[in-house]
Structures are given as C-alpha cells and as structure tokens.
Amino acid sequence: MNNNLKLVVNNIKENKSDKKNFFEKDELKIILDLYARMVSEGSWKDYGLNISGKQVGFSVFKNATENALYKICKNFKPKNKNLKYLITDTNGKILKNSFDLKSLLKNIDWKKL
C-alpha cells in the first residue's frame, strides 16, 4: 500500500473578481414562474439550460424529444444594452430583445410568438 497518495479537493483558488456566469436568483425566479404557468396551461413540458462563456440560455420544449420551442437568453457582455436578454426560436432567430428580463417576458402571447 502506498502511503504517499493524497486526495486533493477543490485545489483551484477563486478570485473574488471571478463572477459566475449564470442567471441571478431574481432572474431565475422570473423565468421559473413563467415556466410553471406555461406547464400548468399544458404549453410547455420540459426545459434545459445551456451555459457558455458568452451567455446562458433557458430552453423550453413542448416535448422532450423535440427541438426547443424558445430559448430565453442572457448575454454576459452584450454589444448593445438591448441585447442583454433575448428570446430566440428553434433556429436561433431573435424574436424579442430587451435590457430588462421582466419587461421582456411580460405580456407575451407565447402561442402567437
């Protein structure tokens, strides 16, 4: 038996300047409240999260085996402040955009979008 083995856990030093790139708690609450409402209506059935260095996306599905109906995205470094939050379709086409998530998702007729 080798007594020189060591278990190293979380050996990465985190800087306080390193920000986690994800939805913030209040943003996620807004999205999950919408998701719960749409599930109860029977319009949405599943969701998925996509995370990259440039953006995070919340994809919604009618069926788990199909492509996403919509994707609600947050860009971390948008070129234009109105491109911070986006709603895209299956092909990535921007359907709506805004600098404010709540106003972006408010009063949208998802069936007509």
Protein backbone atom coordinates (compact mmCIF):
# COMPACT_ATOMS: atom_id res chain seq x y z
CA MET A 1 0.00 0.00 0.00
CA ASN A 2 1.33 3.45 -0.97
CA ASN A 3 1.13 5.95 1.90
CA ASN A 4 2.26 8.86 -0.32
CA LEU A 5 -1.12 9.30 -2.04
CA LYS A 6 -3.07 12.45 -1.22
CA LEU A 7 -6.62 13.41 -2.06
CA VAL A 8 -6.83 16.99 -3.28
CA VAL A 9 -10.29 18.53 -3.37
CA ASN A 10 -11.03 21.94 -4.89
CA ASN A 11 -7.43 22.95 -5.39
CA ILE A 12 -8.49 25.92 -7.54
CA LYS A 13 -8.21 29.35 -5.97
CA GLU A 14 -11.17 31.58 -6.76
CA ASN A 15 -10.71 35.30 -7.12
CA LYS A 16 -13.47 37.48 -5.76
CA SER A 17 -13.42 39.24 -9.13
CA ASP A 18 -14.39 35.96 -10.83
CA LYS A 19 -18.11 36.08 -11.36
CA LYS A 20 -20.15 33.00 -12.01
CA ASN A 21 -21.86 33.36 -15.37
CA PHE A 22 -25.44 32.27 -14.81
CA PHE A 23 -28.88 33.72 -14.17
CA GLU A 24 -29.09 35.61 -10.91
CA LYS A 25 -31.58 34.42 -8.31
CA ASP A 26 -34.26 37.02 -9.17
CA GLU A 27 -33.86 36.38 -12.92
CA LEU A 28 -34.24 32.64 -12.45
CA LYS A 29 -37.34 33.19 -10.31
CA ILE A 30 -38.97 35.24 -13.08
CA ILE A 31 -38.20 32.54 -15.64
CA LEU A 32 -39.30 29.64 -13.43
CA ASP A 33 -42.56 31.41 -12.54
CA LEU A 34 -43.28 31.76 -16.27
CA TYR A 35 -42.27 28.13 -16.85
CA ALA A 36 -44.63 26.91 -14.09
CA ARG A 37 -47.51 28.91 -15.56
CA MET A 38 -46.90 27.55 -19.07
CA VAL A 39 -46.60 23.95 -17.78
CA SER A 40 -49.91 24.31 -15.93
CA GLU A 41 -51.50 25.51 -19.21
CA GLY A 42 -50.08 22.47 -20.99
CA SER A 43 -47.99 24.54 -23.42
CA TRP A 44 -44.54 23.60 -22.16
CA LYS A 45 -43.40 20.20 -20.94
CA ASP A 46 -39.65 20.34 -20.32
CA TYR A 47 -36.69 22.70 -20.09
CA GLY A 48 -32.94 22.69 -20.43
CA LEU A 49 -30.09 25.03 -19.54
CA ASN A 50 -27.26 25.97 -21.88
CA ILE A 51 -24.22 27.70 -20.39
CA SER A 52 -21.26 29.17 -22.24
CA GLY A 53 -18.75 31.91 -21.60
CA LYS A 54 -20.87 34.39 -23.55
CA GLN A 55 -24.42 33.58 -22.49
CA VAL A 56 -26.74 31.37 -20.51
CA GLY A 57 -29.96 30.08 -22.02
CA PHE A 58 -33.16 28.58 -20.67
CA SER A 59 -34.66 26.41 -23.42
CA VAL A 60 -38.30 25.34 -23.30
CA PHE A 61 -39.74 22.27 -25.00
CA LYS A 62 -43.22 21.08 -25.94
CA ASN A 63 -41.88 17.51 -25.83
CA ALA A 64 -38.53 16.32 -24.53
CA THR A 65 -37.75 14.60 -27.84
CA GLU A 66 -38.24 17.72 -29.99
CA ASN A 67 -36.13 20.83 -30.53
CA ALA A 68 -36.62 23.72 -28.14
CA LEU A 69 -39.60 25.95 -28.91
CA TYR A 70 -37.92 29.00 -27.44
CA LYS A 71 -34.75 29.96 -25.66
CA ILE A 72 -34.60 32.76 -23.09
CA CYS A 73 -31.01 34.02 -23.12
CA LYS A 74 -28.90 36.32 -21.02
CA ASN A 75 -25.82 37.72 -22.74
CA PHE A 76 -22.96 38.47 -20.35
CA LYS A 77 -21.25 41.11 -22.50
CA PRO A 78 -23.81 42.42 -24.99
CA LYS A 79 -22.67 44.83 -27.71
CA ASN A 80 -25.91 46.74 -27.22
CA LYS A 81 -27.74 47.05 -23.88
CA ASN A 82 -30.99 45.94 -25.57
CA LEU A 83 -29.33 42.63 -26.44
CA LYS A 84 -28.78 41.65 -22.78
CA TYR A 85 -31.90 39.45 -22.74
CA LEU A 86 -33.23 37.65 -25.80
CA ILE A 87 -35.97 35.27 -26.81
CA THR A 88 -34.91 33.13 -29.76
CA ASP A 89 -36.68 30.47 -31.79
CA THR A 90 -35.51 26.96 -32.70
CA ASN A 91 -33.17 28.33 -35.38
CA GLY A 92 -31.61 30.99 -33.13
CA LYS A 93 -33.54 33.88 -34.71
CA ILE A 94 -34.09 36.71 -32.23
CA LEU A 95 -37.84 37.14 -31.71
CA LYS A 96 -37.68 39.76 -28.96
CA ASN A 97 -34.94 41.50 -27.02
CA SER A 98 -34.61 43.91 -24.10
CA PHE A 99 -32.30 45.23 -21.41
CA ASP A 100 -34.83 44.12 -18.75
CA LEU A 101 -35.88 40.49 -18.33
CA LYS A 102 -39.17 41.20 -16.57
CA SER A 103 -40.37 43.59 -19.27
CA LEU A 104 -39.20 41.16 -21.98
CA LEU A 105 -41.31 38.29 -20.64
CA LYS A 106 -44.31 40.34 -19.57
CA ASN A 107 -47.49 40.14 -21.68
CA ILE A 108 -46.11 37.83 -24.36
CA ASP A 109 -48.59 35.63 -26.19
CA TRP A 110 -46.30 32.60 -26.48
CA LYS A 111 -48.65 30.78 -28.87
CA LYS A 112 -48.56 33.67 -31.35
CA LEU A 113 -44.85 34.36 -30.89
